[in-house]
Amino acid sequence: MTMSLFEKRWCDALFNALMPTTPAMPGIATLTLDKFWSDFEKSAPPLLKFGLRFAIWYLTLRPILSFRFHRPFPLLQPSAQEIFLTKVNDSHFYFKRQLITTLKAVACMAYFDDPKIRQMVE
């Protein structure tokens, strides 16, 4: 099942929060991920695709139910995004921590799929 455009936008917001631009390296927002998504949808195992999609939906919509945030993840300020992701990552529920881990793993695959990034780290 192919991710929709809005799911990719939500995923971009999550990826950008996890891998922002730093003085040492460009952030994932500076990359074009079209090739990665095409390859991912062709070759990723179904369970990984499902897990990523679930993580995107959960992490995007969960802040709406929070007493602190009250809006979807992409509409939060960067500092609030960081607080939210840290809170989820520090949860005592393995399930929530695993959503962040899944997102980080796929973000790293996307980031290091880019030839410019691979060249920078060699």
PDB file of N, CA and C in Angstrom:
ATOM      1  N   MET A   1       0.838  -1.173   0.000  1.00  0.00           N
ATOM      2  CA  MET A   1       0.000   0.000   0.000  1.00  0.00           C
ATOM      3  C   MET A   1       0.892   1.248   0.000  1.00  0.00           C
ATOM      4  N   THR A   2       0.661   2.112  -0.904  1.00  0.00           N
ATOM      5  CA  THR A   2       1.451   3.328  -1.064  1.00  0.00           C
ATOM      6  C   THR A   2       1.000   4.397  -0.069  1.00  0.00           C
ATOM      7  N   MET A   3       1.971   5.092   0.514  1.00  0.00           N
ATOM      8  CA  MET A   3       1.626   6.186   1.428  1.00  0.00           C
ATOM      9  C   MET A   3       1.063   7.345   0.630  1.00  0.00           C
ATOM     10  N   SER A   4       0.074   7.989   1.190  1.00  0.00           N
ATOM     11  CA  SER A   4      -0.534   9.151   0.538  1.00  0.00           C
ATOM     12  C   SER A   4       0.366  10.372   0.707  1.00  0.00           C
ATOM     13  N   LEU A   5       0.062  11.411  -0.027  1.00  0.00           N
ATOM     14  CA  LEU A   5       0.849  12.639   0.026  1.00  0.00           C
ATOM     15  C   LEU A   5       0.822  13.255   1.426  1.00  0.00           C
ATOM     16  N   PHE A   6      -0.350  13.269   2.062  1.00  0.00           N
ATOM     17  CA  PHE A   6      -0.409  13.868   3.395  1.00  0.00           C
ATOM     18  C   PHE A   6       0.351  13.022   4.422  1.00  0.00           C
ATOM     19  N   GLU A   7       0.376  11.708   4.253  1.00  0.00           N
ATOM     20  CA  GLU A   7       1.165  10.871   5.157  1.00  0.00           C
ATOM     21  C   GLU A   7       2.660  11.154   4.981  1.00  0.00           C
ATOM     22  N   LYS A   8       3.085  11.366   3.751  1.00  0.00           N
ATOM     23  CA  LYS A   8       4.488  11.709   3.514  1.00  0.00           C
ATOM     24  C   LYS A   8       4.823  13.073   4.108  1.00  0.00           C
ATOM     25  N   ARG A   9       3.899  14.006   4.050  1.00  0.00           N
ATOM     26  CA  ARG A   9       4.126  15.324   4.664  1.00  0.00           C
ATOM     27  C   ARG A   9       4.241  15.197   6.178  1.00  0.00           C
ATOM     28  N   TRP A  10       3.359  14.387   6.759  1.00  0.00           N
ATOM     29  CA  TRP A  10       3.444  14.152   8.207  1.00  0.00           C
ATOM     30  C   TRP A  10       4.771  13.505   8.559  1.00  0.00           C
ATOM     31  N   CYS A  11       5.170  12.534   7.748  1.00  0.00           N
ATOM     32  CA  CYS A  11       6.440  11.840   7.971  1.00  0.00           C
ATOM     33  C   CYS A  11       7.607  12.812   7.843  1.00  0.00           C
ATOM     34  N   ASP A  12       7.553  13.694   6.865  1.00  0.00           N
ATOM     35  CA  ASP A  12       8.605  14.714   6.705  1.00  0.00           C
ATOM     36  C   ASP A  12       8.731  15.565   7.961  1.00  0.00           C
ATOM     37  N   ALA A  13       7.601  15.970   8.533  1.00  0.00           N
ATOM     38  CA  ALA A  13       7.639  16.786   9.756  1.00  0.00           C
ATOM     39  C   ALA A  13       8.287  16.010  10.898  1.00  0.00           C
ATOM     40  N   LEU A  14       7.961  14.737  11.018  1.00  0.00           N
ATOM     41  CA  LEU A  14       8.565  13.908  12.064  1.00  0.00           C
ATOM     42  C   LEU A  14      10.058  13.712  11.814  1.00  0.00           C
ATOM     43  N   PHE A  15      10.408  13.401  10.571  1.00  0.00           N
ATOM     44  CA  PHE A  15      11.827  13.235  10.220  1.00  0.00           C
ATOM     45  C   PHE A  15      12.608  14.518  10.498  1.00  0.00           C
ATOM     46  N   ASN A  16      12.050  15.661  10.116  1.00  0.00           N
ATOM     47  CA  ASN A  16      12.732  16.947  10.308  1.00  0.00           C
ATOM     48  C   ASN A  16      12.976  17.230  11.785  1.00  0.00           C
ATOM     49  N   ALA A  17      12.041  16.830  12.628  1.00  0.00           N
ATOM     50  CA  ALA A  17      12.217  17.027  14.068  1.00  0.00           C
ATOM     51  C   ALA A  17      13.301  16.112  14.618  1.00  0.00           C
ATOM     52  N   LEU A  18      13.423  14.923  14.051  1.00  0.00           N
ATOM     53  CA  LEU A  18      14.430  13.970  14.514  1.00  0.00           C
ATOM     54  C   LEU A  18      15.826  14.284  13.988  1.00  0.00           C
ATOM     55  N   MET A  19      15.903  14.826  12.772  1.00  0.00           N
ATOM     56  CA  MET A  19      17.201  15.052  12.125  1.00  0.00           C
ATOM     57  C   MET A  19      17.282  16.467  11.559  1.00  0.00           C
ATOM     58  N   PRO A  20      17.352  17.467  12.449  1.00  0.00           N
ATOM     59  CA  PRO A  20      17.424  18.852  11.973  1.00  0.00           C
ATOM     60  C   PRO A  20      18.818  19.181  11.437  1.00  0.00           C
ATOM     61  N   THR A  21      18.916  20.295  10.771  1.00  0.00           N
ATOM     62  CA  THR A  21      20.211  20.771  10.295  1.00  0.00           C
ATOM     63  C   THR A  21      21.066  21.186  11.488  1.00  0.00           C
ATOM     64  N   THR A  22      22.329  20.802  11.437  1.00  0.00           N
ATOM     65  CA  THR A  22      23.296  21.189  12.470  1.00  0.00           C
ATOM     66  C   THR A  22      24.477  21.855  11.762  1.00  0.00           C
ATOM     67  N   PRO A  23      25.379  22.489  12.514  1.00  0.00           N
ATOM     68  CA  PRO A  23      26.561  23.067  11.861  1.00  0.00           C
ATOM     69  C   PRO A  23      27.409  22.017  11.141  1.00  0.00           C
ATOM     70  N   ALA A  24      27.389  20.795  11.626  1.00  0.00           N
ATOM     71  CA  ALA A  24      28.230  19.751  11.040  1.00  0.00           C
ATOM     72  C   ALA A  24      27.586  19.053   9.842  1.00  0.00           C
ATOM     73  N   MET A  25      26.268  18.911   9.850  1.00  0.00           N
ATOM     74  CA  MET A  25      25.586  18.137   8.801  1.00  0.00           C
ATOM     75  C   MET A  25      24.280  18.815   8.398  1.00  0.00           C
ATOM     76  N   PRO A  26      23.910  18.671   7.114  1.00  0.00           N
ATOM     77  CA  PRO A  26      22.605  19.182   6.692  1.00  0.00           C
ATOM     78  C   PRO A  26      21.489  18.319   7.273  1.00  0.00           C
ATOM     79  N   GLY A  27      20.357  18.912   7.510  1.00  0.00           N
ATOM     80  CA  GLY A  27      19.211  18.163   8.025  1.00  0.00           C
ATOM     81  C   GLY A  27      18.543  17.366   6.927  1.00  0.00           C
ATOM     82  N   ILE A  28      17.669  16.477   7.331  1.00  0.00           N
ATOM     83  CA  ILE A  28      16.972  15.646   6.360  1.00  0.00           C
ATOM     84  C   ILE A  28      16.019  16.483   5.507  1.00  0.00           C
ATOM     85  N   ALA A  29      15.613  17.642   6.007  1.00  0.00           N
ATOM     86  CA  ALA A  29      14.712  18.527   5.248  1.00  0.00           C
ATOM     87  C   ALA A  29      15.376  19.070   3.986  1.00  0.00           C
ATOM     88  N   THR A  30      16.710  19.052   3.939  1.00  0.00           N
ATOM     89  CA  THR A  30      17.421  19.579   2.774  1.00  0.00           C
ATOM     90  C   THR A  30      17.494  18.555   1.643  1.00  0.00           C
ATOM     91  N   LEU A  31      17.040  17.339   1.894  1.00  0.00           N
ATOM     92  CA  LEU A  31      17.151  16.267   0.905  1.00  0.00           C
ATOM     93  C   LEU A  31      15.840  16.042   0.175  1.00  0.00           C
ATOM     94  N   THR A  32      15.948  15.513  -1.028  1.00  0.00           N
ATOM     95  CA  THR A  32      14.774  15.084  -1.781  1.00  0.00           C
ATOM     96  C   THR A  32      14.641  13.585  -1.580  1.00  0.00           C
ATOM     97  N   LEU A  33      13.536  13.173  -1.019  1.00  0.00           N
ATOM     98  CA  LEU A  33      13.369  11.770  -0.649  1.00  0.00           C
ATOM     99  C   LEU A  33      12.526  10.960  -1.629  1.00  0.00           C
ATOM    100  N   ASP A  34      12.224  11.511  -2.790  1.00  0.00           N
ATOM    101  CA  ASP A  34      11.356  10.810  -3.751  1.00  0.00           C
ATOM    102  C   ASP A  34      11.908   9.441  -4.131  1.00  0.00           C
ATOM    103  N   LYS A  35      13.186   9.356  -4.437  1.00  0.00           N
ATOM    104  CA  LYS A  35      13.793   8.073  -4.810  1.00  0.00           C
ATOM    105  C   LYS A  35      13.736   7.094  -3.638  1.00  0.00           C
ATOM    106  N   PHE A  36      14.035   7.592  -2.444  1.00  0.00           N
ATOM    107  CA  PHE A  36      13.978   6.721  -1.271  1.00  0.00           C
ATOM    108  C   PHE A  36      12.582   6.145  -1.097  1.00  0.00           C
ATOM    109  N   TRP A  37      11.546   6.991  -1.179  1.00  0.00           N
ATOM    110  CA  TRP A  37      10.185   6.495  -0.969  1.00  0.00           C
ATOM    111  C   TRP A  37       9.792   5.482  -2.037  1.00  0.00           C
ATOM    112  N   SER A  38      10.221   5.724  -3.260  1.00  0.00           N
ATOM    113  CA  SER A  38       9.936   4.768  -4.333  1.00  0.00           C
ATOM    114  C   SER A  38      10.585   3.416  -4.030  1.00  0.00           C
ATOM    115  N   ASP A  39      11.854   3.439  -3.652  1.00  0.00           N
ATOM    116  CA  ASP A  39      12.563   2.201  -3.319  1.00  0.00           C
ATOM    117  C   ASP A  39      11.972   1.541  -2.073  1.00  0.00           C
ATOM    118  N   PHE A  40      11.638   2.339  -1.089  1.00  0.00           N
ATOM    119  CA  PHE A  40      11.074   1.823   0.158  1.00  0.00           C
ATOM    120  C   PHE A  40       9.759   1.095  -0.112  1.00  0.00           C
ATOM    121  N   GLU A  41       8.907   1.689  -0.902  1.00  0.00           N
ATOM    122  CA  GLU A  41       7.601   1.076  -1.160  1.00  0.00           C
ATOM    123  C   GLU A  41       7.718  -0.191  -1.988  1.00  0.00           C
ATOM    124  N   LYS A  42       8.777  -0.284  -2.801  1.00  0.00           N
ATOM    125  CA  LYS A  42       8.992  -1.497  -3.598  1.00  0.00           C
ATOM    126  C   LYS A  42       9.621  -2.624  -2.780  1.00  0.00           C
ATOM    127  N   SER A  43      10.549  -2.278  -1.878  1.00  0.00           N
ATOM    128  CA  SER A  43      11.368  -3.333  -1.282  1.00  0.00           C
ATOM    129  C   SER A  43      11.244  -3.529   0.225  1.00  0.00           C
ATOM    130  N   ALA A  44      10.632  -2.623   0.944  1.00  0.00           N
ATOM    131  CA  ALA A  44      10.522  -2.786   2.399  1.00  0.00           C
ATOM    132  C   ALA A  44       9.549  -3.917   2.738  1.00  0.00           C
ATOM    133  N   PRO A  45       9.836  -4.661   3.793  1.00  0.00           N
ATOM    134  CA  PRO A  45       8.912  -5.712   4.215  1.00  0.00           C
ATOM    135  C   PRO A  45       7.559  -5.123   4.640  1.00  0.00           C
ATOM    136  N   PRO A  46       6.488  -5.856   4.429  1.00  0.00           N
ATOM    137  CA  PRO A  46       5.153  -5.340   4.779  1.00  0.00           C
ATOM    138  C   PRO A  46       5.017  -4.920   6.242  1.00  0.00           C
ATOM    139  N   LEU A  47       5.644  -5.651   7.154  1.00  0.00           N
ATOM    140  CA  LEU A  47       5.534  -5.299   8.567  1.00  0.00           C
ATOM    141  C   LEU A  47       6.207  -3.958   8.865  1.00  0.00           C
ATOM    142  N   LEU A  48       7.323  -3.669   8.214  1.00  0.00           N
ATOM    143  CA  LEU A  48       7.981  -2.372   8.389  1.00  0.00           C
ATOM    144  C   LEU A  48       7.113  -1.254   7.818  1.00  0.00           C
ATOM    145  N   LYS A  49       6.533  -1.485   6.664  1.00  0.00           N
ATOM    146  CA  LYS A  49       5.645  -0.472   6.067  1.00  0.00           C
ATOM    147  C   LYS A  49       4.473  -0.179   6.996  1.00  0.00           C
ATOM    148  N   PHE A  50       3.875  -1.251   7.532  1.00  0.00           N
ATOM    149  CA  PHE A  50       2.750  -1.068   8.455  1.00  0.00           C
ATOM    150  C   PHE A  50       3.201  -0.332   9.707  1.00  0.00           C
ATOM    151  N   GLY A  51       4.339  -0.741  10.270  1.00  0.00           N
ATOM    152  CA  GLY A  51       4.847  -0.109  11.483  1.00  0.00           C
ATOM    153  C   GLY A  51       5.150   1.365  11.292  1.00  0.00           C
ATOM    154  N   LEU A  52       5.748   1.699  10.155  1.00  0.00           N
ATOM    155  CA  LEU A  52       6.039   3.107   9.875  1.00  0.00           C
ATOM    156  C   LEU A  52       4.753   3.901   9.731  1.00  0.00           C
ATOM    157  N   ARG A  53       3.826   3.359   8.995  1.00  0.00           N
ATOM    158  CA  ARG A  53       2.560   4.070   8.789  1.00  0.00           C
ATOM    159  C   ARG A  53       1.834   4.279  10.118  1.00  0.00           C
ATOM    160  N   PHE A  54       1.819   3.249  10.948  1.00  0.00           N
ATOM    161  CA  PHE A  54       1.173   3.382  12.256  1.00  0.00           C
ATOM    162  C   PHE A  54       1.884   4.436  13.099  1.00  0.00           C
ATOM    163  N   ALA A  55       3.221   4.410  13.100  1.00  0.00           N
ATOM    164  CA  ALA A  55       3.993   5.397  13.857  1.00  0.00           C
ATOM    165  C   ALA A  55       3.686   6.818  13.381  1.00  0.00           C
ATOM    166  N   ILE A  56       3.607   7.001  12.077  1.00  0.00           N
ATOM    167  CA  ILE A  56       3.303   8.329  11.522  1.00  0.00           C
ATOM    168  C   ILE A  56       1.942   8.812  12.011  1.00  0.00           C
ATOM    169  N   TRP A  57       0.940   7.974  11.893  1.00  0.00           N
ATOM    170  CA  TRP A  57      -0.407   8.357  12.314  1.00  0.00           C
ATOM    171  C   TRP A  57      -0.459   8.639  13.820  1.00  0.00           C
ATOM    172  N   TYR A  58       0.094   7.735  14.601  1.00  0.00           N
ATOM    173  CA  TYR A  58       0.036   7.892  16.049  1.00  0.00           C
ATOM    174  C   TYR A  58       0.774   9.157  16.488  1.00  0.00           C
ATOM    175  N   LEU A  59       2.011   9.320  16.033  1.00  0.00           N
ATOM    176  CA  LEU A  59       2.826  10.440  16.486  1.00  0.00           C
ATOM    177  C   LEU A  59       2.345  11.787  15.937  1.00  0.00           C
ATOM    178  N   THR A  60       1.640  11.756  14.829  1.00  0.00           N
ATOM    179  CA  THR A  60       1.094  13.000  14.283  1.00  0.00           C
ATOM    180  C   THR A  60      -0.169  13.423  15.020  1.00  0.00           C
ATOM    181  N   LEU A  61      -1.035  12.463  15.331  1.00  0.00           N
ATOM    182  CA  LEU A  61      -2.332  12.806  15.909  1.00  0.00           C
ATOM    183  C   LEU A  61      -2.366  12.780  17.431  1.00  0.00           C
ATOM    184  N   ARG A  62      -1.449  12.086  18.068  1.00  0.00           N
ATOM    185  CA  ARG A  62      -1.456  11.960  19.526  1.00  0.00           C
ATOM    186  C   ARG A  62      -1.362  13.298  20.256  1.00  0.00           C
ATOM    187  N   PRO A  63      -0.590  14.263  19.777  1.00  0.00           N
ATOM    188  CA  PRO A  63      -0.529  15.545  20.505  1.00  0.00           C
ATOM    189  C   PRO A  63      -1.880  16.260  20.618  1.00  0.00           C
ATOM    190  N   ILE A  64      -2.809  15.960  19.721  1.00  0.00           N
ATOM    191  CA  ILE A  64      -4.127  16.598  19.780  1.00  0.00           C
ATOM    192  C   ILE A  64      -4.816  16.265  21.100  1.00  0.00           C
ATOM    193  N   LEU A  65      -4.620  15.052  21.590  1.00  0.00           N
ATOM    194  CA  LEU A  65      -5.282  14.591  22.817  1.00  0.00           C
ATOM    195  C   LEU A  65      -4.549  14.996  24.088  1.00  0.00           C
ATOM    196  N   SER A  66      -3.414  15.625  23.927  1.00  0.00           N
ATOM    197  CA  SER A  66      -2.600  16.010  25.071  1.00  0.00           C
ATOM    198  C   SER A  66      -3.117  17.309  25.689  1.00  0.00           C
ATOM    199  N   PHE A  67      -3.019  17.402  27.000  1.00  0.00           N
ATOM    200  CA  PHE A  67      -3.401  18.645  27.680  1.00  0.00           C
ATOM    201  C   PHE A  67      -2.429  19.770  27.366  1.00  0.00           C
ATOM    202  N   ARG A  68      -1.229  19.406  26.932  1.00  0.00           N
ATOM    203  CA  ARG A  68      -0.180  20.393  26.718  1.00  0.00           C
ATOM    204  C   ARG A  68      -0.142  20.957  25.299  1.00  0.00           C
ATOM    205  N   PHE A  69      -0.464  20.144  24.291  1.00  0.00           N
ATOM    206  CA  PHE A  69      -0.193  20.545  22.910  1.00  0.00           C
ATOM    207  C   PHE A  69      -1.446  20.917  22.107  1.00  0.00           C
ATOM    208  N   HIS A  70      -2.477  20.117  22.110  1.00  0.00           N
ATOM    209  CA  HIS A  70      -3.771  20.405  21.474  1.00  0.00           C
ATOM    210  C   HIS A  70      -3.760  20.613  19.963  1.00  0.00           C
ATOM    211  N   ARG A  71      -2.756  20.124  19.281  1.00  0.00           N
ATOM    212  CA  ARG A  71      -2.737  20.239  17.820  1.00  0.00           C
ATOM    213  C   ARG A  71      -1.889  19.113  17.235  1.00  0.00           C
ATOM    214  N   PRO A  72      -2.052  18.846  15.932  1.00  0.00           N
ATOM    215  CA  PRO A  72      -1.247  17.783  15.315  1.00  0.00           C
ATOM    216  C   PRO A  72       0.246  18.142  15.309  1.00  0.00           C
ATOM    217  N   PHE A  73       1.069  17.129  15.269  1.00  0.00           N
ATOM    218  CA  PHE A  73       2.514  17.304  15.353  1.00  0.00           C
ATOM    219  C   PHE A  73       3.077  18.339  14.376  1.00  0.00           C
ATOM    220  N   PRO A  74       2.708  18.306  13.076  1.00  0.00           N
ATOM    221  CA  PRO A  74       3.315  19.283  12.151  1.00  0.00           C
ATOM    222  C   PRO A  74       3.007  20.740  12.493  1.00  0.00           C
ATOM    223  N   LEU A  75       1.952  20.992  13.261  1.00  0.00           N
ATOM    224  CA  LEU A  75       1.579  22.367  13.612  1.00  0.00           C
ATOM    225  C   LEU A  75       2.210  22.843  14.916  1.00  0.00           C
ATOM    226  N   LEU A  76       2.945  21.973  15.588  1.00  0.00           N
ATOM    227  CA  LEU A  76       3.627  22.368  16.821  1.00  0.00           C
ATOM    228  C   LEU A  76       4.896  23.159  16.500  1.00  0.00           C
ATOM    229  N   GLN A  77       5.281  24.024  17.421  1.00  0.00           N
ATOM    230  CA  GLN A  77       6.557  24.727  17.306  1.00  0.00           C
ATOM    231  C   GLN A  77       7.685  23.703  17.448  1.00  0.00           C
ATOM    232  N   PRO A  78       8.855  23.950  16.851  1.00  0.00           N
ATOM    233  CA  PRO A  78       9.962  22.987  16.957  1.00  0.00           C
ATOM    234  C   PRO A  78      10.306  22.585  18.401  1.00  0.00           C
ATOM    235  N   SER A  79      10.242  23.530  19.321  1.00  0.00           N
ATOM    236  CA  SER A  79      10.546  23.187  20.723  1.00  0.00           C
ATOM    237  C   SER A  79       9.488  22.248  21.291  1.00  0.00           C
ATOM    238  N   ALA A  80       8.232  22.462  20.941  1.00  0.00           N
ATOM    239  CA  ALA A  80       7.157  21.577  21.397  1.00  0.00           C
ATOM    240  C   ALA A  80       7.265  20.207  20.739  1.00  0.00           C
ATOM    241  N   GLN A  81       7.687  20.169  19.474  1.00  0.00           N
ATOM    242  CA  GLN A  81       7.898  18.887  18.804  1.00  0.00           C
ATOM    243  C   GLN A  81       8.958  18.078  19.535  1.00  0.00           C
ATOM    244  N   GLU A  82      10.045  18.739  19.901  1.00  0.00           N
ATOM    245  CA  GLU A  82      11.122  18.057  20.611  1.00  0.00           C
ATOM    246  C   GLU A  82      10.646  17.538  21.968  1.00  0.00           C
ATOM    247  N   ILE A  83       9.896  18.348  22.688  1.00  0.00           N
ATOM    248  CA  ILE A  83       9.365  17.933  23.987  1.00  0.00           C
ATOM    249  C   ILE A  83       8.449  16.726  23.821  1.00  0.00           C
ATOM    250  N   PHE A  84       7.570  16.783  22.822  1.00  0.00           N
ATOM    251  CA  PHE A  84       6.644  15.674  22.599  1.00  0.00           C
ATOM    252  C   PHE A  84       7.383  14.386  22.265  1.00  0.00           C
ATOM    253  N   LEU A  85       8.334  14.441  21.329  1.00  0.00           N
ATOM    254  CA  LEU A  85       9.066  13.239  20.946  1.00  0.00           C
ATOM    255  C   LEU A  85       9.899  12.696  22.107  1.00  0.00           C
ATOM    256  N   THR A  86      10.464  13.571  22.903  1.00  0.00           N
ATOM    257  CA  THR A  86      11.220  13.137  24.079  1.00  0.00           C
ATOM    258  C   THR A  86      10.296  12.450  25.079  1.00  0.00           C
ATOM    259  N   LYS A  87       9.128  13.024  25.270  1.00  0.00           N
ATOM    260  CA  LYS A  87       8.147  12.440  26.202  1.00  0.00           C
ATOM    261  C   LYS A  87       7.741  11.034  25.752  1.00  0.00           C
ATOM    262  N   VAL A  88       7.486  10.876  24.468  1.00  0.00           N
ATOM    263  CA  VAL A  88       7.107   9.558  23.943  1.00  0.00           C
ATOM    264  C   VAL A  88       8.283   8.595  24.071  1.00  0.00           C
ATOM    265  N   ASN A  89       9.474   9.062  23.739  1.00  0.00           N
ATOM    266  CA  ASN A  89      10.666   8.210  23.796  1.00  0.00           C
ATOM    267  C   ASN A  89      11.008   7.797  25.227  1.00  0.00           C
ATOM    268  N   ASP A  90      10.646   8.611  26.202  1.00  0.00           N
ATOM    269  CA  ASP A  90      10.913   8.305  27.610  1.00  0.00           C
ATOM    270  C   ASP A  90       9.768   7.560  28.285  1.00  0.00           C
ATOM    271  N   SER A  91       8.745   7.221  27.531  1.00  0.00           N
ATOM    272  CA  SER A  91       7.586   6.528  28.096  1.00  0.00           C
ATOM    273  C   SER A  91       7.995   5.189  28.693  1.00  0.00           C
ATOM    274  N   HIS A  92       7.268   4.763  29.723  1.00  0.00           N
ATOM    275  CA  HIS A  92       7.543   3.451  30.294  1.00  0.00           C
ATOM    276  C   HIS A  92       6.850   2.339  29.487  1.00  0.00           C
ATOM    277  N   PHE A  93       6.090   2.720  28.460  1.00  0.00           N
ATOM    278  CA  PHE A  93       5.455   1.749  27.567  1.00  0.00           C
ATOM    279  C   PHE A  93       6.390   1.445  26.397  1.00  0.00           C
ATOM    280  N   TYR A  94       6.793   0.206  26.290  1.00  0.00           N
ATOM    281  CA  TYR A  94       7.676  -0.232  25.205  1.00  0.00           C
ATOM    282  C   TYR A  94       7.080   0.118  23.845  1.00  0.00           C
ATOM    283  N   PHE A  95       5.792  -0.074  23.700  1.00  0.00           N
ATOM    284  CA  PHE A  95       5.103   0.182  22.435  1.00  0.00           C
ATOM    285  C   PHE A  95       5.364   1.603  21.931  1.00  0.00           C
ATOM    286  N   LYS A  96       5.268   2.589  22.807  1.00  0.00           N
ATOM    287  CA  LYS A  96       5.484   3.984  22.400  1.00  0.00           C
ATOM    288  C   LYS A  96       6.946   4.223  22.021  1.00  0.00           C
ATOM    289  N   ARG A  97       7.856   3.675  22.812  1.00  0.00           N
ATOM    290  CA  ARG A  97       9.277   3.833  22.502  1.00  0.00           C
ATOM    291  C   ARG A  97       9.616   3.186  21.163  1.00  0.00           C
ATOM    292  N   GLN A  98       8.955   2.070  20.872  1.00  0.00           N
ATOM    293  CA  GLN A  98       9.218   1.366  19.614  1.00  0.00           C
ATOM    294  C   GLN A  98       8.749   2.185  18.403  1.00  0.00           C
ATOM    295  N   LEU A  99       7.712   2.978  18.557  1.00  0.00           N
ATOM    296  CA  LEU A  99       7.267   3.846  17.462  1.00  0.00           C
ATOM    297  C   LEU A  99       8.366   4.840  17.095  1.00  0.00           C
ATOM    298  N   ILE A 100       9.007   5.408  18.105  1.00  0.00           N
ATOM    299  CA  ILE A 100      10.110   6.345  17.858  1.00  0.00           C
ATOM    300  C   ILE A 100      11.279   5.615  17.218  1.00  0.00           C
ATOM    301  N   THR A 101      11.580   4.426  17.701  1.00  0.00           N
ATOM    302  CA  THR A 101      12.691   3.647  17.149  1.00  0.00           C
ATOM    303  C   THR A 101      12.448   3.312  15.681  1.00  0.00           C
ATOM    304  N   THR A 102      11.240   2.926  15.346  1.00  0.00           N
ATOM    305  CA  THR A 102      10.894   2.629  13.955  1.00  0.00           C
ATOM    306  C   THR A 102      11.080   3.869  13.093  1.00  0.00           C
ATOM    307  N   LEU A 103      10.592   4.987  13.571  1.00  0.00           N
ATOM    308  CA  LEU A 103      10.721   6.245  12.833  1.00  0.00           C
ATOM    309  C   LEU A 103      12.192   6.632  12.647  1.00  0.00           C
ATOM    310  N   LYS A 104      12.995   6.491  13.699  1.00  0.00           N
ATOM    311  CA  LYS A 104      14.421   6.815  13.607  1.00  0.00           C
ATOM    312  C   LYS A 104      15.133   5.911  12.605  1.00  0.00           C
ATOM    313  N   ALA A 105      14.803   4.628  12.637  1.00  0.00           N
ATOM    314  CA  ALA A 105      15.460   3.679  11.729  1.00  0.00           C
ATOM    315  C   ALA A 105      15.176   4.034  10.273  1.00  0.00           C
ATOM    316  N   VAL A 106      13.932   4.322   9.954  1.00  0.00           N
ATOM    317  CA  VAL A 106      13.584   4.650   8.567  1.00  0.00           C
ATOM    318  C   VAL A 106      14.158   6.018   8.197  1.00  0.00           C
ATOM    319  N   ALA A 107      14.168   6.966   9.133  1.00  0.00           N
ATOM    320  CA  ALA A 107      14.762   8.278   8.858  1.00  0.00           C
ATOM    321  C   ALA A 107      16.248   8.137   8.529  1.00  0.00           C
ATOM    322  N   CYS A 108      16.941   7.281   9.264  1.00  0.00           N
ATOM    323  CA  CYS A 108      18.368   7.061   8.981  1.00  0.00           C
ATOM    324  C   CYS A 108      18.565   6.394   7.629  1.00  0.00           C
ATOM    325  N   MET A 109      17.690   5.445   7.292  1.00  0.00           N
ATOM    326  CA  MET A 109      17.781   4.820   5.969  1.00  0.00           C
ATOM    327  C   MET A 109      17.598   5.867   4.873  1.00  0.00           C
ATOM    328  N   ALA A 110      16.631   6.755   5.053  1.00  0.00           N
ATOM    329  CA  ALA A 110      16.373   7.800   4.060  1.00  0.00           C
ATOM    330  C   ALA A 110      17.546   8.775   3.982  1.00  0.00           C
ATOM    331  N   TYR A 111      18.065   9.154   5.132  1.00  0.00           N
ATOM    332  CA  TYR A 111      19.147  10.137   5.195  1.00  0.00           C
ATOM    333  C   TYR A 111      20.409   9.611   4.514  1.00  0.00           C
ATOM    334  N   PHE A 112      20.797   8.397   4.856  1.00  0.00           N
ATOM    335  CA  PHE A 112      22.044   7.850   4.316  1.00  0.00           C
ATOM    336  C   PHE A 112      21.872   7.205   2.954  1.00  0.00           C
ATOM    337  N   ASP A 113      20.657   7.213   2.434  1.00  0.00           N
ATOM    338  CA  ASP A 113      20.428   6.788   1.055  1.00  0.00           C
ATOM    339  C   ASP A 113      20.901   7.863   0.078  1.00  0.00           C
ATOM    340  N   ASP A 114      20.969   9.091   0.534  1.00  0.00           N
ATOM    341  CA  ASP A 114      21.377  10.210  -0.318  1.00  0.00           C
ATOM    342  C   ASP A 114      22.885  10.154  -0.578  1.00  0.00           C
ATOM    343  N   PRO A 115      23.302  10.180  -1.854  1.00  0.00           N
ATOM    344  CA  PRO A 115      24.733  10.096  -2.176  1.00  0.00           C
ATOM    345  C   PRO A 115      25.575  11.224  -1.568  1.00  0.00           C
ATOM    346  N   LYS A 116      25.026  12.433  -1.484  1.00  0.00           N
ATOM    347  CA  LYS A 116      25.782  13.555  -0.908  1.00  0.00           C
ATOM    348  C   LYS A 116      26.093  13.306   0.571  1.00  0.00           C
ATOM    349  N   ILE A 117      25.138  12.764   1.277  1.00  0.00           N
ATOM    350  CA  ILE A 117      25.340  12.492   2.702  1.00  0.00           C
ATOM    351  C   ILE A 117      26.361  11.374   2.879  1.00  0.00           C
ATOM    352  N   ARG A 118      26.224  10.318   2.084  1.00  0.00           N
ATOM    353  CA  ARG A 118      27.196   9.220   2.172  1.00  0.00           C
ATOM    354  C   ARG A 118      28.617   9.716   1.877  1.00  0.00           C
ATOM    355  N   GLN A 119      28.737  10.606   0.906  1.00  0.00           N
ATOM    356  CA  GLN A 119      30.052  11.154   0.555  1.00  0.00           C
ATOM    357  C   GLN A 119      30.602  11.999   1.715  1.00  0.00           C
ATOM    358  N   MET A 120      29.741  12.726   2.408  1.00  0.00           N
ATOM    359  CA  MET A 120      30.188  13.574   3.517  1.00  0.00           C
ATOM    360  C   MET A 120      30.732  12.742   4.682  1.00  0.00           C
ATOM    361  N   VAL A 121      30.187  11.557   4.895  1.00  0.00           N
ATOM    362  CA  VAL A 121      30.601  10.762   6.056  1.00  0.00           C
ATOM    363  C   VAL A 121      31.725   9.792   5.730  1.00  0.00           C
ATOM    364  N   GLU A 122      32.103   9.667   4.482  1.00  0.00           N
ATOM    365  CA  GLU A 122      33.204   8.764   4.113  1.00  0.00           C
ATOM    366  C   GLU A 122      34.538   9.353   4.467  1.00  0.00           C
TER     367      GLU A 122
END
